[in-house]
PDB file of N, CA and C in Angstrom:
ATOM      1  N   MET A   1      11.826  22.465   5.903  1.00  0.00           N
ATOM      2  CA  MET A   1      12.036  20.878   6.185  1.00  0.00           C
ATOM      3  C   MET A   1      10.975  20.403   7.028  1.00  0.00           C
ATOM      4  N   ILE A   2      10.253  20.906   7.567  1.00  0.00           N
ATOM      5  CA  ILE A   2       9.117  19.868   8.462  1.00  0.00           C
ATOM      6  C   ILE A   2       7.944  19.566   7.743  1.00  0.00           C
ATOM      7  N   PHE A   3       7.582  20.743   6.866  1.00  0.00           N
ATOM      8  CA  PHE A   3       6.326  20.224   6.252  1.00  0.00           C
ATOM      9  C   PHE A   3       6.454  19.563   5.566  1.00  0.00           C
ATOM     10  N   PRO A   4       7.515  19.048   4.366  1.00  0.00           N
ATOM     11  CA  PRO A   4       7.575  17.612   3.721  1.00  0.00           C
ATOM     12  C   PRO A   4       7.459  16.691   4.045  1.00  0.00           C
ATOM     13  N   VAL A   5       7.985  16.865   5.417  1.00  0.00           N
ATOM     14  CA  VAL A   5       7.995  15.564   6.226  1.00  0.00           C
ATOM     15  C   VAL A   5       6.545  15.063   6.959  1.00  0.00           C
ATOM     16  N   ILE A   6       5.693  16.369   6.875  1.00  0.00           N
ATOM     17  CA  ILE A   6       4.475  16.247   7.488  1.00  0.00           C
ATOM     18  C   ILE A   6       3.516  15.896   6.508  1.00  0.00           C
ATOM     19  N   ALA A   7       3.832  16.163   5.355  1.00  0.00           N
ATOM     20  CA  ALA A   7       2.926  16.054   4.367  1.00  0.00           C
ATOM     21  C   ALA A   7       2.991  14.681   3.763  1.00  0.00           C
ATOM     22  N   CYS A   8       4.174  14.161   3.910  1.00  0.00           N
ATOM     23  CA  CYS A   8       4.430  12.433   3.449  1.00  0.00           C
ATOM     24  C   CYS A   8       3.735  11.983   4.461  1.00  0.00           C
ATOM     25  N   PHE A   9       3.952  12.111   5.400  1.00  0.00           N
ATOM     26  CA  PHE A   9       2.881  11.183   7.141  1.00  0.00           C
ATOM     27  C   PHE A   9       1.729  11.695   7.092  1.00  0.00           C
ATOM     28  N   GLY A  10       1.140  12.691   6.473  1.00  0.00           N
ATOM     29  CA  GLY A  10      -0.214  12.717   6.127  1.00  0.00           C
ATOM     30  C   GLY A  10      -0.990  12.236   5.140  1.00  0.00           C
ATOM     31  N   ALA A  11       0.092  12.623   4.089  1.00  0.00           N
ATOM     32  CA  ALA A  11      -0.612  11.526   2.677  1.00  0.00           C
ATOM     33  C   ALA A  11      -0.681   9.551   2.945  1.00  0.00           C
ATOM     34  N   LEU A  12       0.561   9.356   3.797  1.00  0.00           N
ATOM     35  CA  LEU A  12       0.718   7.829   3.723  1.00  0.00           C
ATOM     36  C   LEU A  12      -0.396   7.926   5.079  1.00  0.00           C
ATOM     37  N   ALA A  13      -1.311   8.550   5.619  1.00  0.00           N
ATOM     38  CA  ALA A  13      -1.983   8.128   6.730  1.00  0.00           C
ATOM     39  C   ALA A  13      -3.453   8.075   5.888  1.00  0.00           C
ATOM     40  N   VAL A  14      -3.688   9.061   4.840  1.00  0.00           N
ATOM     41  CA  VAL A  14      -4.695   9.205   4.068  1.00  0.00           C
ATOM     42  C   VAL A  14      -4.950   7.891   3.121  1.00  0.00           C
ATOM     43  N   LEU A  15      -4.065   7.713   2.294  1.00  0.00           N
ATOM     44  CA  LEU A  15      -3.977   6.633   1.235  1.00  0.00           C
ATOM     45  C   LEU A  15      -4.240   5.074   2.219  1.00  0.00           C
ATOM     46  N   THR A  16      -3.255   4.735   3.162  1.00  0.00           N
ATOM     47  CA  THR A  16      -4.098   3.519   3.866  1.00  0.00           C
ATOM     48  C   THR A  16      -5.060   3.748   4.304  1.00  0.00           C
ATOM     49  N   LEU A  17      -5.444   4.869   4.880  1.00  0.00           N
ATOM     50  CA  LEU A  17      -6.961   4.824   5.524  1.00  0.00           C
ATOM     51  C   LEU A  17      -8.286   4.670   3.949  1.00  0.00           C
ATOM     52  N   ILE A  18      -7.811   5.102   2.637  1.00  0.00           N
ATOM     53  CA  ILE A  18      -8.566   4.812   2.020  1.00  0.00           C
ATOM     54  C   ILE A  18      -8.579   3.199   1.747  1.00  0.00           C
ATOM     55  N   ALA A  19      -7.253   2.376   1.680  1.00  0.00           N
ATOM     56  CA  ALA A  19      -7.117   1.393   1.370  1.00  0.00           C
ATOM     57  C   ALA A  19      -8.029   0.265   2.287  1.00  0.00           C
ATOM     58  N   ALA A  20      -8.053   0.745   3.854  1.00  0.00           N
ATOM     59  CA  ALA A  20      -8.698   0.304   4.817  1.00  0.00           C
ATOM     60  C   ALA A  20     -10.409   0.303   4.784  1.00  0.00           C
ATOM     61  N   ALA A  21     -10.549   1.359   3.827  1.00  0.00           N
ATOM     62  CA  ALA A  21     -12.109   1.346   3.834  1.00  0.00           C
ATOM     63  C   ALA A  21     -12.338   0.705   3.128  1.00  0.00           C
ATOM     64  N   THR A  22     -11.767   0.417   1.669  1.00  0.00           N
ATOM     65  CA  THR A  22     -11.709  -0.889   0.569  1.00  0.00           C
ATOM     66  C   THR A  22     -12.159  -2.147   1.154  1.00  0.00           C
ATOM     67  N   GLY A  23     -11.364  -1.914   2.604  1.00  0.00           N
ATOM     68  CA  GLY A  23     -11.397  -3.798   3.223  1.00  0.00           C
ATOM     69  C   GLY A  23     -13.011  -3.729   3.911  1.00  0.00           C
ATOM     70  N   TYR A  24     -12.971  -2.550   4.701  1.00  0.00           N
ATOM     71  CA  TYR A  24     -14.364  -2.592   5.520  1.00  0.00           C
ATOM     72  C   TYR A  24     -15.493  -2.676   4.530  1.00  0.00           C
ATOM     73  N   ARG A  25     -15.286  -2.220   3.357  1.00  0.00           N
ATOM     74  CA  ARG A  25     -16.505  -2.155   2.472  1.00  0.00           C
ATOM     75  C   ARG A  25     -16.586  -3.460   1.811  1.00  0.00           C
ATOM     76  N   GLY A  26     -15.839  -4.361   1.702  1.00  0.00           N
ATOM     77  CA  GLY A  26     -15.684  -5.629   1.044  1.00  0.00           C
ATOM     78  C   GLY A  26     -15.373  -5.387  -0.354  1.00  0.00           C
ATOM     79  N   LEU A  27     -14.701  -4.423  -0.778  1.00  0.00           N
ATOM     80  CA  LEU A  27     -14.355  -4.194  -2.175  1.00  0.00           C
ATOM     81  C   LEU A  27     -12.888  -4.675  -2.969  1.00  0.00           C
ATOM     82  N   VAL A  28     -12.154  -5.223  -2.226  1.00  0.00           N
ATOM     83  CA  VAL A  28     -11.007  -5.711  -2.380  1.00  0.00           C
ATOM     84  C   VAL A  28     -10.760  -6.385  -3.771  1.00  0.00           C
ATOM     85  N   CYS A  29     -11.653  -7.284  -3.560  1.00  0.00           N
ATOM     86  CA  CYS A  29     -11.582  -8.235  -4.956  1.00  0.00           C
ATOM     87  C   CYS A  29     -12.489  -7.673  -5.933  1.00  0.00           C
ATOM     88  N   ASP A  30     -13.240  -6.544  -5.736  1.00  0.00           N
ATOM     89  CA  ASP A  30     -14.414  -6.048  -7.021  1.00  0.00           C
ATOM     90  C   ASP A  30     -12.801  -5.707  -8.120  1.00  0.00           C
ATOM     91  N   ALA A  31     -13.266  -6.029  -9.105  1.00  0.00           N
ATOM     92  CA  ALA A  31     -12.468  -6.032 -10.155  1.00  0.00           C
ATOM     93  C   ALA A  31     -12.396  -4.369 -10.568  1.00  0.00           C
ATOM     94  N   GLU A  32     -13.565  -3.637 -10.545  1.00  0.00           N
ATOM     95  CA  GLU A  32     -13.254  -2.144 -10.819  1.00  0.00           C
ATOM     96  C   GLU A  32     -13.285  -1.264  -9.316  1.00  0.00           C
ATOM     97  N   ARG A  33     -13.246  -1.567  -8.303  1.00  0.00           N
ATOM     98  CA  ARG A  33     -12.845  -0.729  -7.122  1.00  0.00           C
ATOM     99  C   ARG A  33     -11.842  -1.069  -6.515  1.00  0.00           C
ATOM    100  N   GLY A  34     -11.444  -2.288  -6.471  1.00  0.00           N
ATOM    101  CA  GLY A  34     -10.927  -3.132  -5.718  1.00  0.00           C
ATOM    102  C   GLY A  34      -9.235  -3.012  -5.922  1.00  0.00           C
ATOM    103  N   TYR A  35      -8.375  -4.139  -5.673  1.00  0.00           N
ATOM    104  CA  TYR A  35      -7.342  -4.270  -6.123  1.00  0.00           C
ATOM    105  C   TYR A  35      -6.934  -5.274  -7.063  1.00  0.00           C
ATOM    106  N   PRO A  36      -5.739  -5.490  -7.904  1.00  0.00           N
ATOM    107  CA  PRO A  36      -5.851  -6.613  -8.460  1.00  0.00           C
ATOM    108  C   PRO A  36      -5.425  -8.060  -7.540  1.00  0.00           C
ATOM    109  N   VAL A  37      -6.335  -9.255  -7.694  1.00  0.00           N
ATOM    110  CA  VAL A  37      -5.505 -10.528  -6.573  1.00  0.00           C
ATOM    111  C   VAL A  37      -6.147 -11.422  -7.342  1.00  0.00           C
ATOM    112  N   PRO A  38      -5.292 -12.382  -6.873  1.00  0.00           N
ATOM    113  CA  PRO A  38      -5.318 -13.972  -7.815  1.00  0.00           C
ATOM    114  C   PRO A  38      -6.637 -14.284  -8.117  1.00  0.00           C
ATOM    115  N   ALA A  39      -7.218 -14.479  -9.154  1.00  0.00           N
ATOM    116  CA  ALA A  39      -8.292 -15.102  -9.430  1.00  0.00           C
ATOM    117  C   ALA A  39      -9.242 -16.502  -8.625  1.00  0.00           C
ATOM    118  N   HIS A  40      -8.381 -16.953  -7.872  1.00  0.00           N
ATOM    119  CA  HIS A  40      -8.764 -17.936  -6.937  1.00  0.00           C
ATOM    120  C   HIS A  40      -9.522 -17.496  -5.946  1.00  0.00           C
ATOM    121  N   VAL A  41      -8.869 -16.242  -5.504  1.00  0.00           N
ATOM    122  CA  VAL A  41      -8.997 -15.628  -4.271  1.00  0.00           C
ATOM    123  C   VAL A  41     -10.803 -14.552  -4.293  1.00  0.00           C
ATOM    124  N   ALA A  42     -10.440 -14.094  -5.708  1.00  0.00           N
ATOM    125  CA  ALA A  42     -12.019 -13.555  -5.793  1.00  0.00           C
ATOM    126  C   ALA A  42     -12.842 -14.371  -6.313  1.00  0.00           C
ATOM    127  N   SER A  43     -12.585 -15.207  -6.737  1.00  0.00           N
ATOM    128  CA  SER A  43     -14.200 -16.296  -6.996  1.00  0.00           C
ATOM    129  C   SER A  43     -14.228 -16.848  -5.602  1.00  0.00           C
ATOM    130  N   ASP A  44     -13.472 -17.367  -4.638  1.00  0.00           N
ATOM    131  CA  ASP A  44     -13.897 -17.969  -3.157  1.00  0.00           C
ATOM    132  C   ASP A  44     -14.454 -17.074  -2.456  1.00  0.00           C
ATOM    133  N   PRO A  45     -15.992 -16.894  -2.160  1.00  0.00           N
ATOM    134  CA  PRO A  45     -16.403 -16.063  -0.998  1.00  0.00           C
ATOM    135  C   PRO A  45     -15.596 -15.870   0.152  1.00  0.00           C
ATOM    136  N   ARG A  46     -15.049 -17.268   0.833  1.00  0.00           N
ATOM    137  CA  ARG A  46     -14.066 -17.065   1.941  1.00  0.00           C
ATOM    138  C   ARG A  46     -12.763 -16.574   2.251  1.00  0.00           C
ATOM    139  N   LEU A  47     -12.092 -16.627   0.467  1.00  0.00           N
ATOM    140  CA  LEU A  47     -10.715 -16.193   0.567  1.00  0.00           C
ATOM    141  C   LEU A  47     -10.977 -14.747   0.219  1.00  0.00           C
ATOM    142  N   ALA A  48     -12.199 -14.046  -0.167  1.00  0.00           N
ATOM    143  CA  ALA A  48     -12.572 -12.505  -0.635  1.00  0.00           C
ATOM    144  C   ALA A  48     -12.727 -12.241   0.762  1.00  0.00           C
ATOM    145  N   GLU A  49     -13.596 -12.633   1.629  1.00  0.00           N
ATOM    146  CA  GLU A  49     -13.422 -12.074   2.804  1.00  0.00           C
ATOM    147  C   GLU A  49     -12.348 -12.101   3.806  1.00  0.00           C
ATOM    148  N   ARG A  50     -11.587 -13.326   3.566  1.00  0.00           N
ATOM    149  CA  ARG A  50     -10.311 -13.346   4.327  1.00  0.00           C
ATOM    150  C   ARG A  50      -9.511 -11.974   4.047  1.00  0.00           C
ATOM    151  N   ALA A  51      -9.608 -12.080   2.808  1.00  0.00           N
ATOM    152  CA  ALA A  51      -8.937 -10.705   2.187  1.00  0.00           C
ATOM    153  C   ALA A  51      -9.517  -9.151   2.442  1.00  0.00           C
ATOM    154  N   ASN A  52     -10.483  -9.048   2.311  1.00  0.00           N
ATOM    155  CA  ASN A  52     -10.903  -8.085   2.742  1.00  0.00           C
ATOM    156  C   ASN A  52     -10.388  -7.397   4.327  1.00  0.00           C
ATOM    157  N   GLN A  53     -10.801  -8.252   5.199  1.00  0.00           N
ATOM    158  CA  GLN A  53     -10.827  -8.434   6.506  1.00  0.00           C
ATOM    159  C   GLN A  53      -9.087  -7.942   6.778  1.00  0.00           C
ATOM    160  N   SER A  54      -8.079  -8.538   5.774  1.00  0.00           N
ATOM    161  CA  SER A  54      -6.443  -8.752   5.841  1.00  0.00           C
ATOM    162  C   SER A  54      -6.670  -7.109   5.539  1.00  0.00           C
ATOM    163  N   VAL A  55      -7.213  -6.817   4.372  1.00  0.00           N
ATOM    164  CA  VAL A  55      -6.470  -5.437   4.311  1.00  0.00           C
ATOM    165  C   VAL A  55      -7.176  -4.508   5.315  1.00  0.00           C
ATOM    166  N   ALA A  56      -8.085  -4.664   5.747  1.00  0.00           N
ATOM    167  CA  ALA A  56      -9.105  -3.473   6.706  1.00  0.00           C
ATOM    168  C   ALA A  56      -8.124  -3.557   8.048  1.00  0.00           C
ATOM    169  N   PHE A  57      -7.735  -4.610   8.255  1.00  0.00           N
ATOM    170  CA  PHE A  57      -6.954  -4.232   9.692  1.00  0.00           C
ATOM    171  C   PHE A  57      -5.616  -3.972   9.344  1.00  0.00           C
ATOM    172  N   TRP A  58      -4.737  -4.390   8.388  1.00  0.00           N
ATOM    173  CA  TRP A  58      -3.259  -4.457   8.201  1.00  0.00           C
ATOM    174  C   TRP A  58      -3.079  -2.318   8.203  1.00  0.00           C
ATOM    175  N   CYS A  59      -4.289  -2.026   7.090  1.00  0.00           N
ATOM    176  CA  CYS A  59      -3.720  -0.804   6.699  1.00  0.00           C
ATOM    177  C   CYS A  59      -4.362   0.157   7.330  1.00  0.00           C
ATOM    178  N   THR A  60      -5.893  -0.321   8.520  1.00  0.00           N
ATOM    179  CA  THR A  60      -5.871   0.659   9.605  1.00  0.00           C
ATOM    180  C   THR A  60      -4.864   0.965  10.233  1.00  0.00           C
ATOM    181  N   GLY A  61      -4.092  -0.321  10.763  1.00  0.00           N
ATOM    182  CA  GLY A  61      -2.903  -0.204  11.474  1.00  0.00           C
ATOM    183  C   GLY A  61      -2.037   0.588  11.235  1.00  0.00           C
ATOM    184  N   ALA A  62      -1.706   0.620   9.821  1.00  0.00           N
ATOM    185  CA  ALA A  62      -0.667   1.631   9.081  1.00  0.00           C
ATOM    186  C   ALA A  62      -1.099   3.380   9.375  1.00  0.00           C
ATOM    187  N   SER A  63      -2.295   3.341   8.732  1.00  0.00           N
ATOM    188  CA  SER A  63      -2.680   4.909   8.764  1.00  0.00           C
ATOM    189  C   SER A  63      -2.919   4.986  10.409  1.00  0.00           C
ATOM    190  N   VAL A  64      -2.967   4.534  11.496  1.00  0.00           N
ATOM    191  CA  VAL A  64      -3.100   4.868  12.782  1.00  0.00           C
ATOM    192  C   VAL A  64      -1.357   5.300  12.997  1.00  0.00           C
ATOM    193  N   LEU A  65      -0.854   4.316  12.698  1.00  0.00           N
ATOM    194  CA  LEU A  65       0.769   4.716  13.097  1.00  0.00           C
ATOM    195  C   LEU A  65       1.466   5.655  12.396  1.00  0.00           C
ATOM    196  N   SER A  66       0.858   6.215  11.072  1.00  0.00           N
ATOM    197  CA  SER A  66       1.240   7.060  10.399  1.00  0.00           C
ATOM    198  C   SER A  66       0.756   8.400  10.891  1.00  0.00           C
ATOM    199  N   VAL A  67      -0.063   8.496  11.890  1.00  0.00           N
ATOM    200  CA  VAL A  67      -0.697   9.979  12.511  1.00  0.00           C
ATOM    201  C   VAL A  67       0.028   9.920  13.490  1.00  0.00           C
ATOM    202  N   ALA A  68       0.872   9.078  14.381  1.00  0.00           N
ATOM    203  CA  ALA A  68       1.881   9.696  15.583  1.00  0.00           C
ATOM    204  C   ALA A  68       2.958  10.665  15.176  1.00  0.00           C
ATOM    205  N   PRO A  69       3.671  10.397  14.236  1.00  0.00           N
ATOM    206  CA  PRO A  69       4.582  11.551  14.283  1.00  0.00           C
ATOM    207  C   PRO A  69       3.879  13.098  14.063  1.00  0.00           C
ATOM    208  N   LEU A  70       2.903  12.941  13.821  1.00  0.00           N
ATOM    209  CA  LEU A  70       2.316  14.270  13.173  1.00  0.00           C
ATOM    210  C   LEU A  70       1.824  15.104  14.639  1.00  0.00           C
ATOM    211  N   PHE A  71       2.051  14.329  15.585  1.00  0.00           N
ATOM    212  CA  PHE A  71       1.568  14.753  17.105  1.00  0.00           C
ATOM    213  C   PHE A  71       3.228  15.666  17.395  1.00  0.00           C
ATOM    214  N   LEU A  72       4.013  15.528  16.801  1.00  0.00           N
ATOM    215  CA  LEU A  72       5.144  15.890  17.227  1.00  0.00           C
ATOM    216  C   LEU A  72       5.941  16.929  16.055  1.00  0.00           C
ATOM    217  N   LEU A  73       5.275  16.930  14.892  1.00  0.00           N
ATOM    218  CA  LEU A  73       5.733  17.335  13.991  1.00  0.00           C
ATOM    219  C   LEU A  73       5.447  19.026  13.966  1.00  0.00           C
ATOM    220  N   VAL A  74       3.765  18.397  14.069  1.00  0.00           N
ATOM    221  CA  VAL A  74       2.810  19.842  13.733  1.00  0.00           C
ATOM    222  C   VAL A  74       2.883  20.845  14.427  1.00  0.00           C
ATOM    223  N   PRO A  75       3.097  20.575  15.843  1.00  0.00           N
ATOM    224  CA  PRO A  75       3.578  21.601  16.940  1.00  0.00           C
ATOM    225  C   PRO A  75       4.994  22.666  16.641  1.00  0.00           C
ATOM    226  N   MET A  76       5.806  21.516  16.036  1.00  0.00           N
ATOM    227  CA  MET A  76       7.190  22.122  15.738  1.00  0.00           C
ATOM    228  C   MET A  76       7.098  23.425  14.648  1.00  0.00           C
ATOM    229  N   LEU A  77       5.983  22.604  13.365  1.00  0.00           N
ATOM    230  CA  LEU A  77       5.768  24.053  12.555  1.00  0.00           C
ATOM    231  C   LEU A  77       5.115  24.982  12.939  1.00  0.00           C
ATOM    232  N   ALA A  78       3.926  24.995  13.992  1.00  0.00           N
ATOM    233  CA  ALA A  78       3.469  26.016  14.158  1.00  0.00           C
ATOM    234  C   ALA A  78       4.171  26.891  14.911  1.00  0.00           C
ATOM    235  N   ASP A  79       5.402  26.632  15.746  1.00  0.00           N
ATOM    236  CA  ASP A  79       6.134  27.018  16.818  1.00  0.00           C
ATOM    237  C   ASP A  79       6.622  28.454  16.031  1.00  0.00           C
ATOM    238  N   ASP A  80       6.684  29.487  16.747  1.00  0.00           N
ATOM    239  CA  ASP A  80       7.201  30.509  15.685  1.00  0.00           C
ATOM    240  C   ASP A  80       9.008  30.943  15.907  1.00  0.00           C
ATOM    241  N   THR A  81       9.520  30.043  16.870  1.00  0.00           N
ATOM    242  CA  THR A  81      10.977  29.816  16.705  1.00  0.00           C
ATOM    243  C   THR A  81      11.201  28.705  15.645  1.00  0.00           C
ATOM    244  N   ALA A  82      12.622  29.055  14.767  1.00  0.00           N
ATOM    245  CA  ALA A  82      13.005  28.175  13.439  1.00  0.00           C
ATOM    246  C   ALA A  82      13.395  27.063  14.283  1.00  0.00           C
ATOM    247  N   GLN A  83      12.896  25.821  13.842  1.00  0.00           N
ATOM    248  CA  GLN A  83      13.383  24.817  14.360  1.00  0.00           C
ATOM    249  C   GLN A  83      13.796  23.767  13.196  1.00  0.00           C
ATOM    250  N   THR A  84      14.493  23.195  13.216  1.00  0.00           N
ATOM    251  CA  THR A  84      14.877  21.924  12.274  1.00  0.00           C
ATOM    252  C   THR A  84      15.049  20.694  12.444  1.00  0.00           C
ATOM    253  N   LEU A  85      14.803  19.832  11.460  1.00  0.00           N
ATOM    254  CA  LEU A  85      15.015  18.555  12.013  1.00  0.00           C
ATOM    255  C   LEU A  85      16.391  17.849  11.707  1.00  0.00           C
ATOM    256  N   THR A  86      17.134  17.402  12.708  1.00  0.00           N
ATOM    257  CA  THR A  86      18.899  16.728  12.487  1.00  0.00           C
ATOM    258  C   THR A  86      18.680  15.717  11.431  1.00  0.00           C
ATOM    259  N   THR A  87      19.567  15.628  11.096  1.00  0.00           N
ATOM    260  CA  THR A  87      19.835  14.430  10.007  1.00  0.00           C
ATOM    261  C   THR A  87      19.468  12.902  10.802  1.00  0.00           C
ATOM    262  N   SER A  88      19.789  12.410  11.945  1.00  0.00           N
ATOM    263  CA  SER A  88      19.449  11.537  12.739  1.00  0.00           C
ATOM    264  C   SER A  88      17.985  11.343  12.887  1.00  0.00           C
ATOM    265  N   SER A  89      17.431  12.504  12.866  1.00  0.00           N
ATOM    266  CA  SER A  89      15.961  12.480  13.262  1.00  0.00           C
ATOM    267  C   SER A  89      15.355  12.106  11.880  1.00  0.00           C
ATOM    268  N   LEU A  90      15.792  13.154  10.722  1.00  0.00           N
ATOM    269  CA  LEU A  90      15.315  12.791   9.812  1.00  0.00           C
ATOM    270  C   LEU A  90      15.722  11.223   9.058  1.00  0.00           C
ATOM    271  N   ALA A  91      16.637  10.686   9.483  1.00  0.00           N
ATOM    272  CA  ALA A  91      16.815   9.258   9.380  1.00  0.00           C
ATOM    273  C   ALA A  91      16.046   8.241   9.951  1.00  0.00           C
ATOM    274  N   VAL A  92      15.361   8.556  11.387  1.00  0.00           N
ATOM    275  CA  VAL A  92      15.037   7.952  12.097  1.00  0.00           C
ATOM    276  C   VAL A  92      13.228   7.931  11.418  1.00  0.00           C
ATOM    277  N   LEU A  93      12.995   8.878  11.166  1.00  0.00           N
ATOM    278  CA  LEU A  93      11.748   9.166  10.166  1.00  0.00           C
ATOM    279  C   LEU A  93      11.678   8.528   8.860  1.00  0.00           C
ATOM    280  N   ALA A  94      12.576   8.705   8.599  1.00  0.00           N
ATOM    281  CA  ALA A  94      12.370   7.879   6.997  1.00  0.00           C
ATOM    282  C   ALA A  94      12.593   6.287   7.225  1.00  0.00           C
ATOM    283  N   THR A  95      12.695   5.736   8.404  1.00  0.00           N
ATOM    284  CA  THR A  95      12.788   4.589   8.522  1.00  0.00           C
ATOM    285  C   THR A  95      11.695   3.819   9.036  1.00  0.00           C
ATOM    286  N   TYR A  96      11.174   4.904   9.741  1.00  0.00           N
ATOM    287  CA  TYR A  96       9.857   4.321  10.108  1.00  0.00           C
ATOM    288  C   TYR A  96       8.629   4.338   9.204  1.00  0.00           C
ATOM    289  N   GLY A  97       8.945   5.553   8.254  1.00  0.00           N
ATOM    290  CA  GLY A  97       8.265   5.385   7.237  1.00  0.00           C
ATOM    291  C   GLY A  97       7.966   4.403   6.245  1.00  0.00           C
ATOM    292  N   LEU A  98       9.187   3.810   6.168  1.00  0.00           N
ATOM    293  CA  LEU A  98       9.573   2.807   5.359  1.00  0.00           C
ATOM    294  C   LEU A  98       8.648   1.634   5.985  1.00  0.00           C
ATOM    295  N   ALA A  99       8.746   1.364   7.277  1.00  0.00           N
ATOM    296  CA  ALA A  99       8.368   0.517   7.959  1.00  0.00           C
ATOM    297  C   ALA A  99       6.668   0.389   7.849  1.00  0.00           C
ATOM    298  N   LEU A 100       6.515   1.801   7.814  1.00  0.00           N
ATOM    299  CA  LEU A 100       4.824   1.953   7.821  1.00  0.00           C
ATOM    300  C   LEU A 100       4.445   1.505   6.474  1.00  0.00           C
ATOM    301  N   VAL A 101       5.016   1.537   5.085  1.00  0.00           N
ATOM    302  CA  VAL A 101       4.906   1.111   3.844  1.00  0.00           C
ATOM    303  C   VAL A 101       4.839  -0.025   3.926  1.00  0.00           C
ATOM    304  N   ALA A 102       5.824  -0.672   4.107  1.00  0.00           N
ATOM    305  CA  ALA A 102       5.835  -2.281   4.514  1.00  0.00           C
ATOM    306  C   ALA A 102       4.748  -2.637   5.392  1.00  0.00           C
ATOM    307  N   LEU A 103       3.944  -2.106   6.218  1.00  0.00           N
ATOM    308  CA  LEU A 103       3.268  -2.549   6.770  1.00  0.00           C
ATOM    309  C   LEU A 103       1.754  -2.271   6.079  1.00  0.00           C
ATOM    310  N   GLY A 104       1.525  -1.334   5.467  1.00  0.00           N
ATOM    311  CA  GLY A 104       0.195  -1.480   4.603  1.00  0.00           C
ATOM    312  C   GLY A 104       0.747  -2.331   3.507  1.00  0.00           C
ATOM    313  N   ARG A 105       1.513  -2.968   2.568  1.00  0.00           N
ATOM    314  CA  ARG A 105       1.764  -3.607   1.934  1.00  0.00           C
ATOM    315  C   ARG A 105       1.666  -5.001   2.268  1.00  0.00           C
ATOM    316  N   MET A 106       1.364  -5.638   3.348  1.00  0.00           N
ATOM    317  CA  MET A 106       1.699  -7.001   4.036  1.00  0.00           C
ATOM    318  C   MET A 106       0.233  -7.465   3.609  1.00  0.00           C
ATOM    319  N   PRO A 107      -0.758  -7.164   3.796  1.00  0.00           N
ATOM    320  CA  PRO A 107      -2.063  -7.907   3.020  1.00  0.00           C
ATOM    321  C   PRO A 107      -1.921  -7.974   1.773  1.00  0.00           C
ATOM    322  N   PHE A 108      -1.348  -7.260   0.978  1.00  0.00           N
ATOM    323  CA  PHE A 108      -1.393  -7.242  -0.575  1.00  0.00           C
ATOM    324  C   PHE A 108      -0.335  -8.435  -1.026  1.00  0.00           C
ATOM    325  N   ALA A 109       0.600  -8.705   0.016  1.00  0.00           N
ATOM    326  CA  ALA A 109       1.247  -9.925   0.221  1.00  0.00           C
ATOM    327  C   ALA A 109       1.171 -11.217   0.235  1.00  0.00           C
ATOM    328  N   LEU A 110       0.246 -10.981   1.569  1.00  0.00           N
ATOM    329  CA  LEU A 110      -0.829 -12.355   2.010  1.00  0.00           C
ATOM    330  C   LEU A 110      -1.640 -12.962   1.246  1.00  0.00           C
ATOM    331  N   ILE A 111      -2.332 -11.984   0.508  1.00  0.00           N
ATOM    332  CA  ILE A 111      -3.392 -12.304  -0.587  1.00  0.00           C
ATOM    333  C   ILE A 111      -2.822 -13.154  -1.454  1.00  0.00           C
ATOM    334  N   LYS A 112      -1.598 -13.138  -2.147  1.00  0.00           N
ATOM    335  CA  LYS A 112      -0.907 -13.674  -2.779  1.00  0.00           C
ATOM    336  C   LYS A 112      -0.586 -15.169  -2.772  1.00  0.00           C
ATOM    337  N   ARG A 113      -0.589 -14.987  -1.382  1.00  0.00           N
ATOM    338  CA  ARG A 113      -0.160 -16.665  -1.034  1.00  0.00           C
ATOM    339  C   ARG A 113      -1.186 -17.166  -0.752  1.00  0.00           C
ATOM    340  N   TYR A 114      -2.620 -17.336  -0.667  1.00  0.00           N
ATOM    341  CA  TYR A 114      -3.469 -17.599  -0.097  1.00  0.00           C
ATOM    342  C   TYR A 114      -4.021 -19.375  -1.260  1.00  0.00           C
ATOM    343  N   PRO A 115      -4.033 -20.273  -0.733  1.00  0.00           N
ATOM    344  CA  PRO A 115      -3.812 -21.268  -1.294  1.00  0.00           C
ATOM    345  C   PRO A 115      -4.918 -21.392  -2.199  1.00  0.00           C
ATOM    346  N   ALA A 116      -5.095 -22.090  -3.177  1.00  0.00           N
ATOM    347  CA  ALA A 116      -6.286 -22.501  -4.301  1.00  0.00           C
ATOM    348  C   ALA A 116      -7.255 -23.637  -3.251  1.00  0.00           C
ATOM    349  N   VAL A 117      -8.251 -23.567  -3.874  1.00  0.00           N
ATOM    350  CA  VAL A 117      -9.016 -24.556  -3.309  1.00  0.00           C
ATOM    351  C   VAL A 117      -8.837 -25.885  -4.013  1.00  0.00           C
ATOM    352  N   GLY A 118      -8.935 -26.762  -3.404  1.00  0.00           N
ATOM    353  CA  GLY A 118      -8.170 -28.097  -3.784  1.00  0.00           C
ATOM    354  C   GLY A 118      -6.929 -28.167  -3.675  1.00  0.00           C
ATOM    355  N   ALA A 119      -6.146 -27.081  -3.393  1.00  0.00           N
ATOM    356  CA  ALA A 119      -4.651 -27.274  -3.772  1.00  0.00           C
ATOM    357  C   ALA A 119      -4.092 -27.914  -2.183  1.00  0.00           C
ATOM    358  N   THR A 120      -3.115 -28.758  -2.620  1.00  0.00           N
ATOM    359  CA  THR A 120      -2.377 -29.596  -1.698  1.00  0.00           C
ATOM    360  C   THR A 120      -1.244 -29.027  -0.899  1.00  0.00           C
ATOM    361  N   SER A 121      -1.063 -28.897   0.191  1.00  0.00           N
ATOM    362  CA  SER A 121      -0.016 -28.171   0.888  1.00  0.00           C
ATOM    363  C   SER A 121       1.090 -29.309   1.329  1.00  0.00           C
ATOM    364  N   ARG A 122       2.245 -28.705   0.975  1.00  0.00           N
ATOM    365  CA  ARG A 122       3.324 -29.969   1.548  1.00  0.00           C
ATOM    366  C   ARG A 122       4.076 -29.340   2.483  1.00  0.00           C
TER     367      ARG A 122
END
């Protein structure tokens, strides 16, 4: 039961690190290698730079925080004694994982809210 949890957090760490690398390389608004963003964000250099920084920041944080449970889980897997996770610990890990997924999705939700150039705010 420990290995699937390790695999999920490991996959989450890798996927959010790939998204962060896309932001660091400035490719978030690239039509072929980036992510779907509103047209006004892709066409405005300042908004595109802001989108890249946002994805890099939030996804790096999610990736680093995804590795934290692995420091406790991997030694449990390597231990010779048969250890299992309790239902409450699985619930805590599942909640933590959902929070990390929300953290990784945060920049993409923010990018959709970027105002278009010339738009009036109320």
